């Protein structure tokens, strides 16, 4: 297919993907989710240490900076 033909058919806007951490949270028991939510709000937990603990329990492997941003967004909800 020629470039002109491909460009004549725009690709619709892609909706943003749901964060992997949100999907993981949904897989937890209510008790575990409550504990994770409390830890996310507890500023005594450094993000890098909390991320390491959560990943040891099956949380997705994401960058610390991504986790920190997600944590701030999650707490703000």
N, C-alpha and C. Protein backbone atom coordinates (compact mmCIF):
# COMPACT_ATOMS: atom_id res chain seq x y z
N UNK A 1 0.85 -1.16 0.00
CA UNK A 1 0.00 0.00 0.00
C UNK A 1 0.91 1.24 0.00
N UNK A 2 0.58 2.17 -0.80
CA UNK A 2 1.36 3.40 -0.92
C UNK A 2 1.14 4.29 0.29
N UNK A 3 2.15 5.09 0.56
CA UNK A 3 2.07 6.01 1.70
C UNK A 3 0.83 6.90 1.59
N UNK A 4 0.56 7.41 0.42
CA UNK A 4 -0.59 8.29 0.23
C UNK A 4 -1.89 7.57 0.61
N UNK A 5 -1.99 6.29 0.26
CA UNK A 5 -3.20 5.52 0.61
C UNK A 5 -3.30 5.32 2.12
N UNK A 6 -2.17 5.01 2.77
CA UNK A 6 -2.19 4.79 4.23
C UNK A 6 -2.54 6.08 4.97
N UNK A 7 -2.01 7.20 4.47
CA UNK A 7 -2.28 8.47 5.13
C UNK A 7 -3.70 8.97 4.89
N UNK A 8 -4.35 8.46 3.88
CA UNK A 8 -5.73 8.85 3.58
C UNK A 8 -6.71 8.21 4.57
N UNK A 9 -6.25 7.20 5.31
CA UNK A 9 -7.11 6.51 6.27
C UNK A 9 -6.52 6.70 7.67
N UNK A 10 -6.88 7.78 8.34
CA UNK A 10 -6.29 8.04 9.65
C UNK A 10 -6.65 6.97 10.67
N UNK A 11 -5.72 6.71 11.54
CA UNK A 11 -5.96 5.78 12.63
C UNK A 11 -6.65 6.56 13.73
N UNK A 12 -7.74 6.00 14.23
CA UNK A 12 -8.45 6.72 15.28
C UNK A 12 -7.58 6.85 16.52
N UNK A 13 -7.90 7.83 17.30
CA UNK A 13 -7.13 8.09 18.52
C UNK A 13 -7.18 6.86 19.43
N UNK A 14 -6.03 6.47 19.90
CA UNK A 14 -5.95 5.31 20.77
C UNK A 14 -6.17 5.77 22.20
N UNK A 15 -7.06 5.08 22.90
CA UNK A 15 -7.29 5.45 24.29
C UNK A 15 -6.12 4.97 25.14
N UNK A 16 -5.82 5.70 26.18
CA UNK A 16 -4.68 5.32 27.02
C UNK A 16 -4.94 3.98 27.70
N UNK A 17 -3.88 3.22 27.84
CA UNK A 17 -3.99 1.92 28.47
C UNK A 17 -4.13 2.10 29.98
N UNK A 18 -4.82 1.19 30.59
CA UNK A 18 -4.96 1.21 32.04
C UNK A 18 -3.63 0.82 32.66
N UNK A 19 -3.20 1.53 33.71
CA UNK A 19 -1.93 1.18 34.34
C UNK A 19 -1.90 -0.26 34.84
N UNK A 20 -0.78 -0.92 34.64
CA UNK A 20 -0.63 -2.32 35.06
C UNK A 20 -0.83 -2.46 36.56
N UNK A 21 -0.44 -1.44 37.32
CA UNK A 21 -0.60 -1.51 38.77
C UNK A 21 -2.08 -1.53 39.16
N UNK A 22 -2.93 -0.82 38.42
CA UNK A 22 -4.37 -0.85 38.70
C UNK A 22 -4.93 -2.24 38.45
N UNK A 23 -4.51 -2.85 37.36
CA UNK A 23 -4.97 -4.21 37.04
C UNK A 23 -4.52 -5.17 38.13
N UNK A 24 -3.27 -5.03 38.59
CA UNK A 24 -2.76 -5.90 39.65
C UNK A 24 -3.56 -5.69 40.93
N UNK A 25 -3.84 -4.44 41.29
CA UNK A 25 -4.62 -4.16 42.49
C UNK A 25 -5.98 -4.86 42.45
N UNK A 26 -6.60 -4.88 41.28
CA UNK A 26 -7.91 -5.52 41.13
C UNK A 26 -7.84 -7.03 41.36
N UNK A 27 -6.65 -7.61 41.21
CA UNK A 27 -6.52 -9.06 41.38
C UNK A 27 -6.35 -9.46 42.85
N UNK A 28 -6.17 -8.48 43.73
CA UNK A 28 -5.92 -8.77 45.13
C UNK A 28 -7.22 -9.02 45.90
N UNK A 29 -7.08 -9.72 47.03
CA UNK A 29 -8.22 -9.88 47.92
C UNK A 29 -8.55 -8.52 48.51
N UNK A 30 -9.78 -8.32 48.97
CA UNK A 30 -10.11 -7.03 49.57
C UNK A 30 -9.18 -6.66 50.74
N UNK A 31 -8.80 -7.64 51.54
CA UNK A 31 -7.90 -7.38 52.67
C UNK A 31 -6.53 -6.92 52.19
N UNK A 32 -5.98 -7.60 51.18
CA UNK A 32 -4.67 -7.21 50.65
C UNK A 32 -4.72 -5.85 49.96
N UNK A 33 -5.81 -5.61 49.24
CA UNK A 33 -5.93 -4.33 48.55
C UNK A 33 -5.99 -3.19 49.57
N UNK A 34 -6.71 -3.40 50.65
CA UNK A 34 -6.79 -2.38 51.70
C UNK A 34 -5.41 -2.11 52.30
N UNK A 35 -4.64 -3.18 52.50
CA UNK A 35 -3.28 -3.03 53.05
C UNK A 35 -2.38 -2.27 52.07
N UNK A 36 -2.51 -2.57 50.78
CA UNK A 36 -1.70 -1.87 49.77
C UNK A 36 -2.12 -0.41 49.71
N UNK A 37 -3.41 -0.15 49.71
CA UNK A 37 -3.88 1.24 49.69
C UNK A 37 -3.34 2.03 50.88
N UNK A 38 -3.35 1.41 52.06
CA UNK A 38 -2.83 2.08 53.25
C UNK A 38 -1.34 2.35 53.12
N UNK A 39 -0.60 1.39 52.59
CA UNK A 39 0.85 1.57 52.42
C UNK A 39 1.15 2.66 51.39
N UNK A 40 0.34 2.74 50.35
CA UNK A 40 0.54 3.77 49.33
C UNK A 40 0.37 5.16 49.93
N UNK A 41 -0.55 5.30 50.88
CA UNK A 41 -0.80 6.60 51.51
C UNK A 41 0.19 6.91 52.63
N UNK A 42 0.87 5.89 53.11
CA UNK A 42 1.81 6.06 54.22
C UNK A 42 3.13 6.60 53.68
N UNK A 43 3.41 7.88 53.99
CA UNK A 43 4.64 8.51 53.46
C UNK A 43 5.89 7.96 54.14
N UNK A 44 5.71 7.12 55.15
CA UNK A 44 6.86 6.46 55.77
C UNK A 44 7.51 5.44 54.84
N UNK A 45 6.75 4.98 53.85
CA UNK A 45 7.28 4.05 52.85
C UNK A 45 7.92 4.83 51.72
N UNK A 46 9.20 4.66 51.53
CA UNK A 46 9.86 5.22 50.34
C UNK A 46 9.35 4.43 49.14
N UNK A 47 9.08 5.12 48.05
CA UNK A 47 8.50 4.45 46.88
C UNK A 47 9.34 3.27 46.42
N UNK A 48 10.67 3.42 46.40
CA UNK A 48 11.49 2.33 45.88
C UNK A 48 11.40 1.10 46.77
N UNK A 49 11.29 1.28 48.09
CA UNK A 49 11.18 0.14 48.99
C UNK A 49 9.79 -0.50 48.91
N UNK A 50 8.78 0.33 48.83
CA UNK A 50 7.41 -0.19 48.70
C UNK A 50 7.26 -0.95 47.40
N UNK A 51 7.78 -0.40 46.32
CA UNK A 51 7.71 -1.09 45.03
C UNK A 51 8.37 -2.45 45.11
N UNK A 52 9.52 -2.51 45.73
CA UNK A 52 10.24 -3.79 45.86
C UNK A 52 9.39 -4.81 46.63
N UNK A 53 8.75 -4.37 47.72
CA UNK A 53 7.90 -5.28 48.50
C UNK A 53 6.70 -5.75 47.68
N UNK A 54 6.08 -4.84 46.95
CA UNK A 54 4.91 -5.20 46.14
C UNK A 54 5.30 -6.14 45.00
N UNK A 55 6.45 -5.90 44.39
CA UNK A 55 6.89 -6.79 43.31
C UNK A 55 7.22 -8.17 43.85
N UNK A 56 7.68 -8.27 45.07
CA UNK A 56 7.93 -9.58 45.68
C UNK A 56 6.63 -10.36 45.86
N UNK A 57 5.51 -9.62 45.88
CA UNK A 57 4.20 -10.26 46.03
C UNK A 57 3.45 -10.36 44.70
N UNK A 58 4.14 -10.08 43.60
CA UNK A 58 3.52 -10.28 42.29
C UNK A 58 3.15 -9.04 41.52
N UNK A 59 3.43 -7.86 42.06
CA UNK A 59 3.14 -6.62 41.31
C UNK A 59 3.99 -6.60 40.04
N UNK A 60 3.50 -5.93 39.00
CA UNK A 60 4.25 -5.88 37.75
C UNK A 60 5.60 -5.18 37.88
N UNK A 61 6.49 -5.55 37.03
CA UNK A 61 7.82 -4.94 37.01
C UNK A 61 7.74 -3.63 36.24
N UNK A 62 7.83 -2.52 36.97
CA UNK A 62 7.79 -1.20 36.36
C UNK A 62 8.92 -0.37 36.94
N UNK A 63 9.26 0.69 36.27
CA UNK A 63 10.33 1.59 36.73
C UNK A 63 9.90 2.31 38.00
N UNK A 64 10.87 2.62 38.83
CA UNK A 64 10.57 3.35 40.07
C UNK A 64 9.89 4.68 39.78
N UNK A 65 10.33 5.38 38.74
CA UNK A 65 9.73 6.67 38.41
C UNK A 65 8.27 6.50 37.98
N UNK A 66 7.99 5.43 37.26
CA UNK A 66 6.61 5.14 36.85
C UNK A 66 5.75 4.83 38.06
N UNK A 67 6.31 4.03 38.98
CA UNK A 67 5.59 3.69 40.19
C UNK A 67 5.32 4.93 41.02
N UNK A 68 6.31 5.81 41.16
CA UNK A 68 6.15 7.02 41.96
C UNK A 68 5.04 7.89 41.40
N UNK A 69 5.00 8.05 40.09
CA UNK A 69 3.93 8.85 39.47
C UNK A 69 2.58 8.18 39.68
N UNK A 70 2.53 6.85 39.45
CA UNK A 70 1.28 6.12 39.64
C UNK A 70 0.82 6.24 41.09
N UNK A 71 1.76 6.13 42.04
CA UNK A 71 1.42 6.24 43.46
C UNK A 71 0.80 7.59 43.76
N UNK A 72 1.40 8.66 43.28
CA UNK A 72 0.85 10.00 43.50
C UNK A 72 -0.56 10.12 42.91
N UNK A 73 -0.74 9.60 41.70
CA UNK A 73 -2.06 9.65 41.05
C UNK A 73 -3.07 8.81 41.82
N UNK A 74 -2.66 7.64 42.27
CA UNK A 74 -3.57 6.73 42.98
C UNK A 74 -4.02 7.35 44.30
N UNK A 75 -3.08 7.93 45.03
CA UNK A 75 -3.40 8.54 46.32
C UNK A 75 -4.33 9.74 46.14
N UNK A 76 -4.18 10.44 45.03
CA UNK A 76 -5.01 11.63 44.77
C UNK A 76 -6.45 11.29 44.41
N UNK A 77 -6.70 10.05 44.05
CA UNK A 77 -8.08 9.67 43.64
C UNK A 77 -9.02 9.63 44.80
